[in-house]
Amino acid sequence: MTGGAYDELDDHDDDTPPYWDGSRAMPKDARRMGLTHHVPDGALLDFAGRLDSTKTLHRVTAWVMLVVFGLPVFFYVLRLVLEVLPG
């Protein structure tokens, strides 16, 4: 299979990652810490990094993720405040 589109895209001599590399959306700090899309924390960062704010479904997804991860913290803080306050 020579001369196809696959060969043109896959043949490069520079140090850039290949076009099929999945870590392009991962922040540089996360990559420096060793996170990849293969570990749970890295997969979440990779997923969130691929969201596009110009697309409505992606914005809705971001808000749902914010609620899912923020609601337990809110309930924990609320429980602490209710235990501290007399009444």
N, C-alpha and C. Protein backbone atom coordinates (compact mmCIF):
# COMPACT_ATOMS: atom_id res chain seq x y z
N MET A 1 0.83 -1.19 0.00
CA MET A 1 0.00 0.00 0.00
C MET A 1 0.87 1.25 0.00
N THR A 2 1.48 1.54 -1.05
CA THR A 2 2.29 2.73 -1.13
C THR A 2 1.55 3.80 -1.89
N GLY A 3 1.78 5.04 -1.51
CA GLY A 3 1.17 6.16 -2.20
C GLY A 3 -0.21 6.53 -1.70
N GLY A 4 -0.74 5.82 -0.70
CA GLY A 4 -2.07 6.13 -0.19
C GLY A 4 -2.03 7.27 0.80
N ALA A 5 -3.21 7.70 1.22
CA ALA A 5 -3.32 8.80 2.18
C ALA A 5 -2.73 8.40 3.53
N TYR A 6 -2.85 7.13 3.87
CA TYR A 6 -2.31 6.67 5.15
C TYR A 6 -0.80 6.85 5.20
N ASP A 7 -0.12 6.50 4.12
CA ASP A 7 1.34 6.63 4.09
C ASP A 7 1.78 8.07 4.19
N GLU A 8 1.05 8.98 3.55
CA GLU A 8 1.41 10.39 3.60
C GLU A 8 1.25 10.97 4.99
N LEU A 9 0.19 10.58 5.69
CA LEU A 9 -0.04 11.11 7.02
C LEU A 9 0.89 10.48 8.05
N ASP A 10 1.22 9.22 7.87
CA ASP A 10 2.00 8.50 8.87
C ASP A 10 3.50 8.69 8.70
N ASP A 11 3.94 9.17 7.57
CA ASP A 11 5.37 9.31 7.29
C ASP A 11 5.84 10.72 7.67
N HIS A 12 6.51 10.82 8.80
CA HIS A 12 7.08 12.10 9.20
C HIS A 12 8.38 11.85 9.95
N ASP A 13 9.31 12.77 9.78
CA ASP A 13 10.63 12.61 10.39
C ASP A 13 10.86 13.54 11.57
N ASP A 14 9.95 14.48 11.82
CA ASP A 14 10.17 15.43 12.91
C ASP A 14 9.76 14.80 14.25
N ASP A 15 9.87 15.58 15.32
CA ASP A 15 9.59 15.08 16.66
C ASP A 15 8.15 15.29 17.09
N THR A 16 7.28 15.73 16.20
CA THR A 16 5.89 15.94 16.57
C THR A 16 5.20 14.59 16.76
N PRO A 17 4.18 14.54 17.62
CA PRO A 17 3.47 13.28 17.79
C PRO A 17 2.70 12.94 16.52
N PRO A 18 2.45 11.67 16.29
CA PRO A 18 1.70 11.28 15.10
C PRO A 18 0.26 11.78 15.15
N TYR A 19 -0.40 11.81 14.00
CA TYR A 19 -1.75 12.34 13.93
C TYR A 19 -2.74 11.52 14.74
N TRP A 20 -2.45 10.25 15.00
CA TRP A 20 -3.37 9.39 15.73
C TRP A 20 -3.11 9.41 17.23
N ASP A 21 -2.18 10.24 17.70
CA ASP A 21 -1.85 10.30 19.12
C ASP A 21 -3.03 10.89 19.89
N GLY A 22 -3.45 10.21 20.95
CA GLY A 22 -4.61 10.64 21.71
C GLY A 22 -4.31 11.62 22.82
N SER A 23 -3.07 12.00 23.03
CA SER A 23 -2.72 12.84 24.19
C SER A 23 -2.61 14.32 23.83
N ARG A 24 -3.09 14.73 22.68
CA ARG A 24 -2.96 16.13 22.30
C ARG A 24 -3.83 17.05 23.14
N ALA A 25 -4.95 16.56 23.67
CA ALA A 25 -5.83 17.39 24.49
C ALA A 25 -5.39 17.43 25.95
N MET A 26 -4.44 16.61 26.31
CA MET A 26 -3.96 16.56 27.69
C MET A 26 -3.08 17.76 27.99
N PRO A 27 -3.32 18.46 29.11
CA PRO A 27 -2.47 19.59 29.46
C PRO A 27 -1.01 19.17 29.65
N LYS A 28 -0.10 20.10 29.40
CA LYS A 28 1.33 19.78 29.49
C LYS A 28 1.73 19.39 30.91
N ASP A 29 1.14 20.05 31.91
CA ASP A 29 1.45 19.71 33.30
C ASP A 29 1.04 18.27 33.62
N ALA A 30 -0.09 17.86 33.11
CA ALA A 30 -0.56 16.49 33.37
C ALA A 30 0.35 15.48 32.69
N ARG A 31 0.78 15.77 31.48
CA ARG A 31 1.71 14.87 30.79
C ARG A 31 3.04 14.81 31.51
N ARG A 32 3.48 15.95 32.07
CA ARG A 32 4.75 15.97 32.79
C ARG A 32 4.66 15.13 34.07
N MET A 33 3.46 15.07 34.68
CA MET A 33 3.27 14.24 35.88
C MET A 33 3.12 12.77 35.54
N GLY A 34 3.02 12.44 34.26
CA GLY A 34 2.92 11.05 33.85
C GLY A 34 1.51 10.58 33.60
N LEU A 35 0.54 11.48 33.60
CA LEU A 35 -0.84 11.07 33.33
C LEU A 35 -1.02 10.84 31.84
N THR A 36 -1.71 9.79 31.50
CA THR A 36 -2.08 9.51 30.12
C THR A 36 -3.58 9.22 30.09
N HIS A 37 -4.11 9.03 28.91
CA HIS A 37 -5.52 8.71 28.79
C HIS A 37 -5.81 7.27 29.19
N HIS A 38 -4.80 6.52 29.62
CA HIS A 38 -4.98 5.14 30.04
C HIS A 38 -5.30 5.00 31.53
N VAL A 39 -5.09 6.05 32.32
CA VAL A 39 -5.40 6.01 33.75
C VAL A 39 -6.66 6.83 34.00
N PRO A 40 -7.43 6.51 35.04
CA PRO A 40 -8.71 7.20 35.25
C PRO A 40 -8.61 8.72 35.34
N ASP A 41 -7.68 9.24 36.12
CA ASP A 41 -7.56 10.70 36.24
C ASP A 41 -7.16 11.34 34.92
N GLY A 42 -6.26 10.69 34.22
CA GLY A 42 -5.83 11.20 32.93
C GLY A 42 -6.93 11.11 31.89
N ALA A 43 -7.72 10.05 31.94
CA ALA A 43 -8.83 9.91 31.00
C ALA A 43 -9.86 11.01 31.20
N LEU A 44 -10.11 11.36 32.45
CA LEU A 44 -11.05 12.44 32.74
C LEU A 44 -10.52 13.78 32.24
N LEU A 45 -9.24 14.03 32.49
CA LEU A 45 -8.63 15.26 31.98
C LEU A 45 -8.63 15.30 30.45
N ASP A 46 -8.35 14.17 29.84
CA ASP A 46 -8.34 14.10 28.39
C ASP A 46 -9.73 14.34 27.83
N PHE A 47 -10.73 13.75 28.45
CA PHE A 47 -12.12 13.95 28.01
C PHE A 47 -12.53 15.41 28.16
N ALA A 48 -12.24 16.01 29.31
CA ALA A 48 -12.61 17.41 29.53
C ALA A 48 -11.83 18.34 28.61
N GLY A 49 -10.59 17.98 28.29
CA GLY A 49 -9.79 18.81 27.41
C GLY A 49 -10.26 18.79 25.97
N ARG A 50 -10.99 17.77 25.60
CA ARG A 50 -11.51 17.68 24.23
C ARG A 50 -12.84 18.38 24.05
N LEU A 51 -13.47 18.84 25.12
CA LEU A 51 -14.75 19.53 25.00
C LEU A 51 -14.55 20.86 24.28
N ASP A 52 -15.47 21.18 23.39
CA ASP A 52 -15.40 22.40 22.60
C ASP A 52 -16.52 23.34 23.07
N SER A 53 -16.18 24.51 23.56
CA SER A 53 -17.17 25.42 24.13
C SER A 53 -18.11 26.02 23.08
N THR A 54 -17.81 25.87 21.82
CA THR A 54 -18.71 26.38 20.79
C THR A 54 -19.86 25.43 20.49
N LYS A 55 -19.76 24.20 20.97
CA LYS A 55 -20.82 23.21 20.74
C LYS A 55 -21.71 23.12 21.97
N THR A 56 -23.02 23.20 21.74
CA THR A 56 -23.98 23.22 22.85
C THR A 56 -23.92 21.94 23.67
N LEU A 57 -23.84 20.80 23.01
CA LEU A 57 -23.81 19.53 23.74
C LEU A 57 -22.57 19.43 24.62
N HIS A 58 -21.46 19.96 24.17
CA HIS A 58 -20.24 19.93 24.97
C HIS A 58 -20.37 20.84 26.18
N ARG A 59 -21.03 21.99 26.03
CA ARG A 59 -21.23 22.87 27.19
C ARG A 59 -22.16 22.21 28.20
N VAL A 60 -23.21 21.54 27.72
CA VAL A 60 -24.11 20.82 28.63
C VAL A 60 -23.35 19.72 29.35
N THR A 61 -22.51 19.01 28.63
CA THR A 61 -21.69 17.95 29.24
C THR A 61 -20.78 18.51 30.32
N ALA A 62 -20.18 19.67 30.06
CA ALA A 62 -19.31 20.30 31.05
C ALA A 62 -20.10 20.67 32.31
N TRP A 63 -21.31 21.21 32.15
CA TRP A 63 -22.12 21.56 33.31
C TRP A 63 -22.54 20.32 34.09
N VAL A 64 -22.88 19.26 33.39
CA VAL A 64 -23.24 18.01 34.08
C VAL A 64 -22.05 17.47 34.87
N MET A 65 -20.87 17.52 34.26
CA MET A 65 -19.67 17.07 34.98
C MET A 65 -19.41 17.94 36.21
N LEU A 66 -19.63 19.24 36.09
CA LEU A 66 -19.44 20.14 37.23
C LEU A 66 -20.41 19.79 38.36
N VAL A 67 -21.65 19.52 38.02
CA VAL A 67 -22.64 19.15 39.04
C VAL A 67 -22.28 17.81 39.67
N VAL A 68 -21.91 16.84 38.85
CA VAL A 68 -21.60 15.50 39.36
C VAL A 68 -20.42 15.53 40.33
N PHE A 69 -19.40 16.33 40.01
CA PHE A 69 -18.23 16.37 40.88
C PHE A 69 -18.36 17.41 41.99
N GLY A 70 -19.18 18.41 41.81
CA GLY A 70 -19.31 19.46 42.81
C GLY A 70 -20.37 19.20 43.86
N LEU A 71 -21.42 18.46 43.51
CA LEU A 71 -22.51 18.23 44.45
C LEU A 71 -22.08 17.47 45.70
N PRO A 72 -21.28 16.43 45.63
CA PRO A 72 -20.84 15.77 46.87
C PRO A 72 -20.04 16.71 47.79
N VAL A 73 -19.24 17.57 47.22
CA VAL A 73 -18.49 18.53 48.03
C VAL A 73 -19.45 19.50 48.70
N PHE A 74 -20.43 19.98 47.95
CA PHE A 74 -21.42 20.90 48.51
C PHE A 74 -22.17 20.25 49.67
N PHE A 75 -22.62 19.00 49.49
CA PHE A 75 -23.35 18.32 50.56
C PHE A 75 -22.47 18.06 51.78
N TYR A 76 -21.21 17.78 51.58
CA TYR A 76 -20.30 17.55 52.70
C TYR A 76 -20.10 18.84 53.50
N VAL A 77 -19.89 19.96 52.80
CA VAL A 77 -19.72 21.25 53.48
C VAL A 77 -21.01 21.64 54.19
N LEU A 78 -22.13 21.41 53.57
CA LEU A 78 -23.43 21.71 54.19
C LEU A 78 -23.61 20.89 55.47
N ARG A 79 -23.25 19.62 55.42
CA ARG A 79 -23.35 18.77 56.61
C ARG A 79 -22.44 19.26 57.73
N LEU A 80 -21.21 19.70 57.39
CA LEU A 80 -20.32 20.24 58.40
C LEU A 80 -20.87 21.53 59.03
N VAL A 81 -21.40 22.38 58.20
CA VAL A 81 -21.96 23.64 58.71
C VAL A 81 -23.15 23.35 59.61
N LEU A 82 -24.02 22.43 59.25
CA LEU A 82 -25.17 22.12 60.08
C LEU A 82 -24.77 21.47 61.40
N GLU A 83 -23.67 20.75 61.43
CA GLU A 83 -23.20 20.15 62.68
C GLU A 83 -22.59 21.20 63.60
N VAL A 84 -21.96 22.22 63.03
CA VAL A 84 -21.29 23.24 63.84
C VAL A 84 -22.29 24.24 64.39
N LEU A 85 -23.26 24.63 63.59
CA LEU A 85 -24.23 25.62 64.03
C LEU A 85 -25.19 25.00 65.05
N PRO A 86 -25.46 25.73 66.12
CA PRO A 86 -26.44 25.20 67.10
C PRO A 86 -27.87 25.29 66.54
N GLY A 87 -28.66 24.34 66.89
CA GLY A 87 -30.04 24.48 66.47
C GLY A 87 -30.63 23.23 66.11
